[in-house]
Structures are given as structure tokens and as C-alpha cells.
Amino acid sequence: MRTWQVERRKRTRHLIELGGLVIKSGVVDLTGDDRTIIFGALIWAADKLQSDERTKALALWAAKGKQAFEAERAGTNPTITQDHPDVV
């Protein structure tokens, strides 16, 4: 396989994984799959990361993410909606 094909597959996998996190977070269902709102929320998060609240935001988000992943492993993750129980 050519180098560009390997890199393209890596990028595709990365994008799919990021999309999965957006769905897993519940944001898609909570916004009615409104791409404008989802994009705005991501821009808001990026703004936080560029502000003096960066360290606080990273710590908070890391703790919430860790808690959600641990709850998922335990089978008690409230962020996975009933509409998409098979989303992993």
C-alpha cells in the first residue's frame, strides 16, 4: 500500500473516531442534529482553550471525560442515549 493511502486511512479513522465522540456525548440528539449549534459549541470550546480559563477548562473536561469513559466501561454511562444504545 502506498504511503498516501496509509495516511488517508489514518485520517479517515481519526475523523470517524471524532464523529463518534460527538454522537456519544449526546450533543447530536440534544441539538436535534443541528450542525450550526454543534459547530457553535465547538467554537465556544475552542475560545475557552484560547482564554485565561484554559487550564480550568482542560481539567474540568478531562475529569468529565474520564468519568464518562469509566461509567461506560461499567455499563452505567448516562451520556449514551436510548435512541443509540449500540453507539460505542
PDB file of N, CA and C in Angstrom:
ATOM      1  N   MET A   1       0.849  -1.180   0.000  1.00  0.00           N
ATOM      2  CA  MET A   1       0.000   0.000   0.000  1.00  0.00           C
ATOM      3  C   MET A   1       0.894   1.242   0.000  1.00  0.00           C
ATOM      4  N   ARG A   2       0.492   2.212  -0.750  1.00  0.00           N
ATOM      5  CA  ARG A   2       1.282   3.441  -0.857  1.00  0.00           C
ATOM      6  C   ARG A   2       1.152   4.293   0.391  1.00  0.00           C
ATOM      7  N   THR A   3       2.175   5.112   0.611  1.00  0.00           N
ATOM      8  CA  THR A   3       2.209   5.965   1.804  1.00  0.00           C
ATOM      9  C   THR A   3       0.987   6.865   1.887  1.00  0.00           C
ATOM     10  N   TRP A   4       0.584   7.464   0.769  1.00  0.00           N
ATOM     11  CA  TRP A   4      -0.561   8.377   0.801  1.00  0.00           C
ATOM     12  C   TRP A   4      -1.849   7.631   1.145  1.00  0.00           C
ATOM     13  N   GLN A   5      -1.928   6.349   0.766  1.00  0.00           N
ATOM     14  CA  GLN A   5      -3.116   5.568   1.100  1.00  0.00           C
ATOM     15  C   GLN A   5      -3.170   5.273   2.598  1.00  0.00           C
ATOM     16  N   VAL A   6      -2.024   4.953   3.156  1.00  0.00           N
ATOM     17  CA  VAL A   6      -1.944   4.693   4.598  1.00  0.00           C
ATOM     18  C   VAL A   6      -2.326   5.953   5.365  1.00  0.00           C
ATOM     19  N   GLU A   7      -1.784   7.082   4.966  1.00  0.00           N
ATOM     20  CA  GLU A   7      -2.082   8.347   5.640  1.00  0.00           C
ATOM     21  C   GLU A   7      -3.555   8.710   5.503  1.00  0.00           C
ATOM     22  N   ARG A   8      -4.126   8.470   4.327  1.00  0.00           N
ATOM     23  CA  ARG A   8      -5.547   8.760   4.116  1.00  0.00           C
ATOM     24  C   ARG A   8      -6.415   7.891   5.025  1.00  0.00           C
ATOM     25  N   ARG A   9      -6.073   6.619   5.155  1.00  0.00           N
ATOM     26  CA  ARG A   9      -6.839   5.729   6.035  1.00  0.00           C
ATOM     27  C   ARG A   9      -6.715   6.152   7.500  1.00  0.00           C
ATOM     28  N   LYS A  10      -5.523   6.578   7.904  1.00  0.00           N
ATOM     29  CA  LYS A  10      -5.330   7.062   9.280  1.00  0.00           C
ATOM     30  C   LYS A  10      -6.207   8.286   9.537  1.00  0.00           C
ATOM     31  N   ARG A  11      -6.212   9.210   8.574  1.00  0.00           N
ATOM     32  CA  ARG A  11      -7.027  10.424   8.713  1.00  0.00           C
ATOM     33  C   ARG A  11      -8.512  10.078   8.760  1.00  0.00           C
ATOM     34  N   THR A  12      -8.939   9.175   7.893  1.00  0.00           N
ATOM     35  CA  THR A  12     -10.346   8.766   7.873  1.00  0.00           C
ATOM     36  C   THR A  12     -10.741   8.141   9.204  1.00  0.00           C
ATOM     37  N   ARG A  13      -9.909   7.268   9.721  1.00  0.00           N
ATOM     38  CA  ARG A  13     -10.202   6.635  11.018  1.00  0.00           C
ATOM     39  C   ARG A  13     -10.299   7.689  12.122  1.00  0.00           C
ATOM     40  N   HIS A  14      -9.383   8.655  12.097  1.00  0.00           N
ATOM     41  CA  HIS A  14      -9.374   9.721  13.095  1.00  0.00           C
ATOM     42  C   HIS A  14     -10.671  10.523  13.040  1.00  0.00           C
ATOM     43  N   LEU A  15     -11.099  10.884  11.835  1.00  0.00           N
ATOM     44  CA  LEU A  15     -12.340  11.647  11.675  1.00  0.00           C
ATOM     45  C   LEU A  15     -13.549  10.849  12.142  1.00  0.00           C
ATOM     46  N   ILE A  16     -13.587   9.569  11.846  1.00  0.00           N
ATOM     47  CA  ILE A  16     -14.693   8.714  12.289  1.00  0.00           C
ATOM     48  C   ILE A  16     -14.724   8.631  13.811  1.00  0.00           C
ATOM     49  N   GLU A  17     -13.557   8.486  14.426  1.00  0.00           N
ATOM     50  CA  GLU A  17     -13.499   8.419  15.891  1.00  0.00           C
ATOM     51  C   GLU A  17     -13.982   9.722  16.523  1.00  0.00           C
ATOM     52  N   LEU A  18     -13.587  10.868  15.950  1.00  0.00           N
ATOM     53  CA  LEU A  18     -14.037  12.159  16.484  1.00  0.00           C
ATOM     54  C   LEU A  18     -15.544  12.313  16.332  1.00  0.00           C
ATOM     55  N   GLY A  19     -16.074  11.902  15.190  1.00  0.00           N
ATOM     56  CA  GLY A  19     -17.520  11.942  14.990  1.00  0.00           C
ATOM     57  C   GLY A  19     -18.242  11.060  15.995  1.00  0.00           C
ATOM     58  N   GLY A  20     -17.662   9.916  16.275  1.00  0.00           N
ATOM     59  CA  GLY A  20     -18.245   9.015  17.272  1.00  0.00           C
ATOM     60  C   GLY A  20     -18.315   9.648  18.649  1.00  0.00           C
ATOM     61  N   LEU A  21     -17.295  10.427  19.000  1.00  0.00           N
ATOM     62  CA  LEU A  21     -17.305  11.113  20.294  1.00  0.00           C
ATOM     63  C   LEU A  21     -18.413  12.166  20.348  1.00  0.00           C
ATOM     64  N   VAL A  22     -18.631  12.856  19.243  1.00  0.00           N
ATOM     65  CA  VAL A  22     -19.699  13.857  19.201  1.00  0.00           C
ATOM     66  C   VAL A  22     -21.046  13.173  19.420  1.00  0.00           C
ATOM     67  N   ILE A  23     -21.255  12.050  18.765  1.00  0.00           N
ATOM     68  CA  ILE A  23     -22.511  11.309  18.934  1.00  0.00           C
ATOM     69  C   ILE A  23     -22.605  10.746  20.348  1.00  0.00           C
ATOM     70  N   LYS A  24     -21.518  10.144  20.812  1.00  0.00           N
ATOM     71  CA  LYS A  24     -21.506   9.521  22.138  1.00  0.00           C
ATOM     72  C   LYS A  24     -21.803  10.531  23.247  1.00  0.00           C
ATOM     73  N   SER A  25     -21.380  11.770  23.060  1.00  0.00           N
ATOM     74  CA  SER A  25     -21.596  12.798  24.086  1.00  0.00           C
ATOM     75  C   SER A  25     -23.071  13.147  24.256  1.00  0.00           C
ATOM     76  N   GLY A  26     -23.883  12.809  23.260  1.00  0.00           N
ATOM     77  CA  GLY A  26     -25.304  13.147  23.328  1.00  0.00           C
ATOM     78  C   GLY A  26     -25.635  14.469  22.667  1.00  0.00           C
ATOM     79  N   VAL A  27     -24.625  15.187  22.207  1.00  0.00           N
ATOM     80  CA  VAL A  27     -24.828  16.518  21.622  1.00  0.00           C
ATOM     81  C   VAL A  27     -25.708  16.456  20.380  1.00  0.00           C
ATOM     82  N   VAL A  28     -25.547  15.425  19.573  1.00  0.00           N
ATOM     83  CA  VAL A  28     -26.324  15.316  18.336  1.00  0.00           C
ATOM     84  C   VAL A  28     -27.811  15.235  18.659  1.00  0.00           C
ATOM     85  N   ASP A  29     -28.173  14.358  19.576  1.00  0.00           N
ATOM     86  CA  ASP A  29     -29.586  14.221  19.945  1.00  0.00           C
ATOM     87  C   ASP A  29     -30.102  15.453  20.674  1.00  0.00           C
ATOM     88  N   LEU A  30     -29.292  16.014  21.548  1.00  0.00           N
ATOM     89  CA  LEU A  30     -29.732  17.166  22.336  1.00  0.00           C
ATOM     90  C   LEU A  30     -29.929  18.426  21.500  1.00  0.00           C
ATOM     91  N   THR A  31     -29.285  18.495  20.336  1.00  0.00           N
ATOM     92  CA  THR A  31     -29.424  19.663  19.466  1.00  0.00           C
ATOM     93  C   THR A  31     -30.319  19.380  18.268  1.00  0.00           C
ATOM     94  N   GLY A  32     -30.886  18.181  18.220  1.00  0.00           N
ATOM     95  CA  GLY A  32     -31.695  17.816  17.071  1.00  0.00           C
ATOM     96  C   GLY A  32     -30.851  17.715  15.809  1.00  0.00           C
ATOM     97  N   ASP A  33     -29.594  17.332  15.959  1.00  0.00           N
ATOM     98  CA  ASP A  33     -28.645  17.199  14.854  1.00  0.00           C
ATOM     99  C   ASP A  33     -28.469  18.510  14.088  1.00  0.00           C
ATOM    100  N   ASP A  34     -28.537  19.619  14.829  1.00  0.00           N
ATOM    101  CA  ASP A  34     -28.366  20.944  14.222  1.00  0.00           C
ATOM    102  C   ASP A  34     -26.875  21.246  14.134  1.00  0.00           C
ATOM    103  N   ARG A  35     -26.332  21.176  12.936  1.00  0.00           N
ATOM    104  CA  ARG A  35     -24.892  21.333  12.717  1.00  0.00           C
ATOM    105  C   ARG A  35     -24.405  22.721  13.102  1.00  0.00           C
ATOM    106  N   THR A  36     -25.259  23.726  12.946  1.00  0.00           N
ATOM    107  CA  THR A  36     -24.879  25.087  13.315  1.00  0.00           C
ATOM    108  C   THR A  36     -24.650  25.190  14.821  1.00  0.00           C
ATOM    109  N   ILE A  37     -25.541  24.596  15.590  1.00  0.00           N
ATOM    110  CA  ILE A  37     -25.399  24.622  17.052  1.00  0.00           C
ATOM    111  C   ILE A  37     -24.174  23.815  17.485  1.00  0.00           C
ATOM    112  N   ILE A  38     -23.992  22.653  16.902  1.00  0.00           N
ATOM    113  CA  ILE A  38     -22.845  21.813  17.264  1.00  0.00           C
ATOM    114  C   ILE A  38     -21.540  22.530  16.945  1.00  0.00           C
ATOM    115  N   PHE A  39     -21.469  23.126  15.767  1.00  0.00           N
ATOM    116  CA  PHE A  39     -20.262  23.863  15.385  1.00  0.00           C
ATOM    117  C   PHE A  39     -20.042  25.051  16.316  1.00  0.00           C
ATOM    118  N   GLY A  40     -21.115  25.756  16.675  1.00  0.00           N
ATOM    119  CA  GLY A  40     -21.005  26.878  17.606  1.00  0.00           C
ATOM    120  C   GLY A  40     -20.485  26.437  18.964  1.00  0.00           C
ATOM    121  N   ALA A  41     -20.954  25.281  19.428  1.00  0.00           N
ATOM    122  CA  ALA A  41     -20.481  24.758  20.719  1.00  0.00           C
ATOM    123  C   ALA A  41     -18.993  24.432  20.658  1.00  0.00           C
ATOM    124  N   LEU A  42     -18.557  23.876  19.540  1.00  0.00           N
ATOM    125  CA  LEU A  42     -17.131  23.560  19.379  1.00  0.00           C
ATOM    126  C   LEU A  42     -16.288  24.827  19.301  1.00  0.00           C
ATOM    127  N   ILE A  43     -16.808  25.843  18.638  1.00  0.00           N
ATOM    128  CA  ILE A  43     -16.095  27.127  18.584  1.00  0.00           C
ATOM    129  C   ILE A  43     -16.007  27.734  19.978  1.00  0.00           C
ATOM    130  N   TRP A  44     -17.096  27.640  20.738  1.00  0.00           N
ATOM    131  CA  TRP A  44     -17.101  28.134  22.121  1.00  0.00           C
ATOM    132  C   TRP A  44     -16.030  27.409  22.941  1.00  0.00           C
ATOM    133  N   ALA A  45     -15.928  26.089  22.770  1.00  0.00           N
ATOM    134  CA  ALA A  45     -14.911  25.324  23.494  1.00  0.00           C
ATOM    135  C   ALA A  45     -13.514  25.761  23.070  1.00  0.00           C
ATOM    136  N   ALA A  46     -13.308  25.977  21.776  1.00  0.00           N
ATOM    137  CA  ALA A  46     -12.001  26.439  21.287  1.00  0.00           C
ATOM    138  C   ALA A  46     -11.663  27.812  21.858  1.00  0.00           C
ATOM    139  N   ASP A  47     -12.674  28.684  21.959  1.00  0.00           N
ATOM    140  CA  ASP A  47     -12.453  30.005  22.562  1.00  0.00           C
ATOM    141  C   ASP A  47     -12.007  29.873  24.017  1.00  0.00           C
ATOM    142  N   LYS A  48     -12.631  28.942  24.741  1.00  0.00           N
ATOM    143  CA  LYS A  48     -12.231  28.704  26.135  1.00  0.00           C
ATOM    144  C   LYS A  48     -10.772  28.289  26.213  1.00  0.00           C
ATOM    145  N   LEU A  49     -10.349  27.460  25.268  1.00  0.00           N
ATOM    146  CA  LEU A  49      -8.972  26.970  25.267  1.00  0.00           C
ATOM    147  C   LEU A  49      -7.964  28.045  24.900  1.00  0.00           C
ATOM    148  N   GLN A  50      -8.438  29.123  24.301  1.00  0.00           N
ATOM    149  CA  GLN A  50      -7.559  30.235  23.949  1.00  0.00           C
ATOM    150  C   GLN A  50      -7.633  31.363  24.975  1.00  0.00           C
ATOM    151  N   SER A  51      -8.374  31.147  26.045  1.00  0.00           N
ATOM    152  CA  SER A  51      -8.550  32.190  27.048  1.00  0.00           C
ATOM    153  C   SER A  51      -7.723  31.885  28.293  1.00  0.00           C
ATOM    154  N   ASP A  52      -7.862  32.755  29.288  1.00  0.00           N
ATOM    155  CA  ASP A  52      -7.169  32.536  30.554  1.00  0.00           C
ATOM    156  C   ASP A  52      -7.828  31.427  31.376  1.00  0.00           C
ATOM    157  N   GLU A  53      -8.941  30.882  30.876  1.00  0.00           N
ATOM    158  CA  GLU A  53      -9.629  29.776  31.551  1.00  0.00           C
ATOM    159  C   GLU A  53      -9.200  28.413  31.006  1.00  0.00           C
ATOM    160  N   ARG A  54      -8.170  28.394  30.172  1.00  0.00           N
ATOM    161  CA  ARG A  54      -7.723  27.156  29.523  1.00  0.00           C
ATOM    162  C   ARG A  54      -7.454  26.026  30.510  1.00  0.00           C
ATOM    163  N   THR A  55      -6.627  26.292  31.497  1.00  0.00           N
ATOM    164  CA  THR A  55      -6.239  25.249  32.448  1.00  0.00           C
ATOM    165  C   THR A  55      -7.440  24.699  33.193  1.00  0.00           C
ATOM    166  N   LYS A  56      -8.309  25.586  33.636  1.00  0.00           N
ATOM    167  CA  LYS A  56      -9.515  25.168  34.354  1.00  0.00           C
ATOM    168  C   LYS A  56     -10.424  24.336  33.447  1.00  0.00           C
ATOM    169  N   ALA A  57     -10.616  24.782  32.203  1.00  0.00           N
ATOM    170  CA  ALA A  57     -11.477  24.069  31.261  1.00  0.00           C
ATOM    171  C   ALA A  57     -10.913  22.683  30.953  1.00  0.00           C
ATOM    172  N   LEU A  58      -9.605  22.603  30.691  1.00  0.00           N
ATOM    173  CA  LEU A  58      -8.994  21.307  30.395  1.00  0.00           C
ATOM    174  C   LEU A  58      -9.152  20.334  31.557  1.00  0.00           C
ATOM    175  N   ALA A  59      -8.947  20.811  32.771  1.00  0.00           N
ATOM    176  CA  ALA A  59      -9.080  19.942  33.946  1.00  0.00           C
ATOM    177  C   ALA A  59     -10.521  19.462  34.103  1.00  0.00           C
ATOM    178  N   LEU A  60     -11.468  20.378  33.941  1.00  0.00           N
ATOM    179  CA  LEU A  60     -12.881  20.024  34.075  1.00  0.00           C
ATOM    180  C   LEU A  60     -13.294  19.024  32.996  1.00  0.00           C
ATOM    181  N   TRP A  61     -12.944  19.309  31.758  1.00  0.00           N
ATOM    182  CA  TRP A  61     -13.338  18.439  30.648  1.00  0.00           C
ATOM    183  C   TRP A  61     -12.659  17.079  30.732  1.00  0.00           C
ATOM    184  N   ALA A  62     -11.403  17.050  31.155  1.00  0.00           N
ATOM    185  CA  ALA A  62     -10.692  15.773  31.305  1.00  0.00           C
ATOM    186  C   ALA A  62     -11.358  14.922  32.385  1.00  0.00           C
ATOM    187  N   ALA A  63     -11.740  15.548  33.492  1.00  0.00           N
ATOM    188  CA  ALA A  63     -12.398  14.816  34.573  1.00  0.00           C
ATOM    189  C   ALA A  63     -13.747  14.269  34.110  1.00  0.00           C
ATOM    190  N   LYS A  64     -14.520  15.088  33.410  1.00  0.00           N
ATOM    191  CA  LYS A  64     -15.831  14.638  32.922  1.00  0.00           C
ATOM    192  C   LYS A  64     -15.676  13.521  31.892  1.00  0.00           C
ATOM    193  N   GLY A  65     -14.701  13.641  30.998  1.00  0.00           N
ATOM    194  CA  GLY A  65     -14.461  12.609  30.001  1.00  0.00           C
ATOM    195  C   GLY A  65     -14.034  11.299  30.634  1.00  0.00           C
ATOM    196  N   LYS A  66     -13.128  11.384  31.606  1.00  0.00           N
ATOM    197  CA  LYS A  66     -12.671  10.188  32.306  1.00  0.00           C
ATOM    198  C   LYS A  66     -13.830   9.513  33.025  1.00  0.00           C
ATOM    199  N   GLN A  67     -14.660  10.310  33.677  1.00  0.00           N
ATOM    200  CA  GLN A  67     -15.817   9.781  34.392  1.00  0.00           C
ATOM    201  C   GLN A  67     -16.776   9.085  33.418  1.00  0.00           C
ATOM    202  N   ALA A  68     -17.012   9.685  32.265  1.00  0.00           N
ATOM    203  CA  ALA A  68     -17.921   9.105  31.281  1.00  0.00           C
ATOM    204  C   ALA A  68     -17.368   7.798  30.711  1.00  0.00           C
ATOM    205  N   PHE A  69     -16.071   7.763  30.398  1.00  0.00           N
ATOM    206  CA  PHE A  69     -15.467   6.531  29.885  1.00  0.00           C
ATOM    207  C   PHE A  69     -15.516   5.419  30.935  1.00  0.00           C
ATOM    208  N   GLU A  70     -15.264   5.761  32.190  1.00  0.00           N
ATOM    209  CA  GLU A  70     -15.325   4.759  33.261  1.00  0.00           C
ATOM    210  C   GLU A  70     -16.746   4.259  33.454  1.00  0.00           C
ATOM    211  N   ALA A  71     -17.726   5.161  33.391  1.00  0.00           N
ATOM    212  CA  ALA A  71     -19.129   4.766  33.524  1.00  0.00           C
ATOM    213  C   ALA A  71     -19.535   3.872  32.354  1.00  0.00           C
ATOM    214  N   GLU A  72     -19.021   4.174  31.180  1.00  0.00           N
ATOM    215  CA  GLU A  72     -19.329   3.353  30.008  1.00  0.00           C
ATOM    216  C   GLU A  72     -18.790   1.937  30.188  1.00  0.00           C
ATOM    217  N   ARG A  73     -17.566   1.829  30.681  1.00  0.00           N
ATOM    218  CA  ARG A  73     -16.976   0.516  30.924  1.00  0.00           C
ATOM    219  C   ARG A  73     -17.775  -0.267  31.951  1.00  0.00           C
ATOM    220  N   ALA A  74     -18.335   0.459  32.921  1.00  0.00           N
ATOM    221  CA  ALA A  74     -19.136  -0.182  33.960  1.00  0.00           C
ATOM    222  C   ALA A  74     -20.573  -0.423  33.503  1.00  0.00           C
ATOM    223  N   GLY A  75     -20.918   0.083  32.327  1.00  0.00           N
ATOM    224  CA  GLY A  75     -22.268  -0.115  31.805  1.00  0.00           C
ATOM    225  C   GLY A  75     -23.294   0.843  32.356  1.00  0.00           C
ATOM    226  N   THR A  76     -22.843   1.974  32.915  1.00  0.00           N
ATOM    227  CA  THR A  76     -23.776   2.934  33.519  1.00  0.00           C
ATOM    228  C   THR A  76     -23.640   4.318  32.923  1.00  0.00           C
ATOM    229  N   ASN A  77     -23.214   4.416  31.667  1.00  0.00           N
ATOM    230  CA  ASN A  77     -22.956   5.723  31.061  1.00  0.00           C
ATOM    231  C   ASN A  77     -24.250   6.430  30.685  1.00  0.00           C
ATOM    232  N   PRO A  78     -24.578   7.523  31.368  1.00  0.00           N
ATOM    233  CA  PRO A  78     -25.809   8.246  31.055  1.00  0.00           C
ATOM    234  C   PRO A  78     -25.719   9.072  29.785  1.00  0.00           C
ATOM    235  N   THR A  79     -24.532   9.231  29.211  1.00  0.00           N
ATOM    236  CA  THR A  79     -24.416  10.056  28.009  1.00  0.00           C
ATOM    237  C   THR A  79     -24.834   9.304  26.763  1.00  0.00           C
ATOM    238  N   ILE A  80     -24.876   7.978  26.806  1.00  0.00           N
ATOM    239  CA  ILE A  80     -25.339   7.215  25.651  1.00  0.00           C
ATOM    240  C   ILE A  80     -26.853   7.172  25.714  1.00  0.00           C
ATOM    241  N   THR A  81     -27.483   7.715  24.697  1.00  0.00           N
ATOM    242  CA  THR A  81     -28.931   7.848  24.706  1.00  0.00           C
ATOM    243  C   THR A  81     -29.614   6.536  24.395  1.00  0.00           C
ATOM    244  N   GLN A  82     -30.856   6.456  24.757  1.00  0.00           N
ATOM    245  CA  GLN A  82     -31.650   5.272  24.477  1.00  0.00           C
ATOM    246  C   GLN A  82     -31.874   5.098  22.976  1.00  0.00           C
ATOM    247  N   ASP A  83     -31.842   6.207  22.224  1.00  0.00           N
ATOM    248  CA  ASP A  83     -32.026   6.127  20.783  1.00  0.00           C
ATOM    249  C   ASP A  83     -30.867   5.446  20.093  1.00  0.00           C
ATOM    250  N   HIS A  84     -29.694   5.493  20.719  1.00  0.00           N
ATOM    251  CA  HIS A  84     -28.496   4.917  20.115  1.00  0.00           C
ATOM    252  C   HIS A  84     -27.757   4.023  21.123  1.00  0.00           C
ATOM    253  N   PRO A  85     -28.408   2.969  21.607  1.00  0.00           N
ATOM    254  CA  PRO A  85     -27.751   2.141  22.619  1.00  0.00           C
ATOM    255  C   PRO A  85     -26.548   1.394  22.089  1.00  0.00           C
ATOM    256  N   ASP A  86     -26.452   1.221  20.766  1.00  0.00           N
ATOM    257  CA  ASP A  86     -25.338   0.475  20.215  1.00  0.00           C
ATOM    258  C   ASP A  86     -24.139   1.338  19.873  1.00  0.00           C
ATOM    259  N   VAL A  87     -24.224   2.640  20.099  1.00  0.00           N
ATOM    260  CA  VAL A  87     -23.105   3.541  19.823  1.00  0.00           C
ATOM    261  C   VAL A  87     -22.034   3.294  20.869  1.00  0.00           C
ATOM    262  N   VAL A  88     -20.826   3.061  20.411  1.00  0.00           N
ATOM    263  CA  VAL A  88     -19.725   2.787  21.336  1.00  0.00           C
ATOM    264  C   VAL A  88     -18.659   3.828  21.191  1.00  0.00           C
TER     265      VAL A  88
END
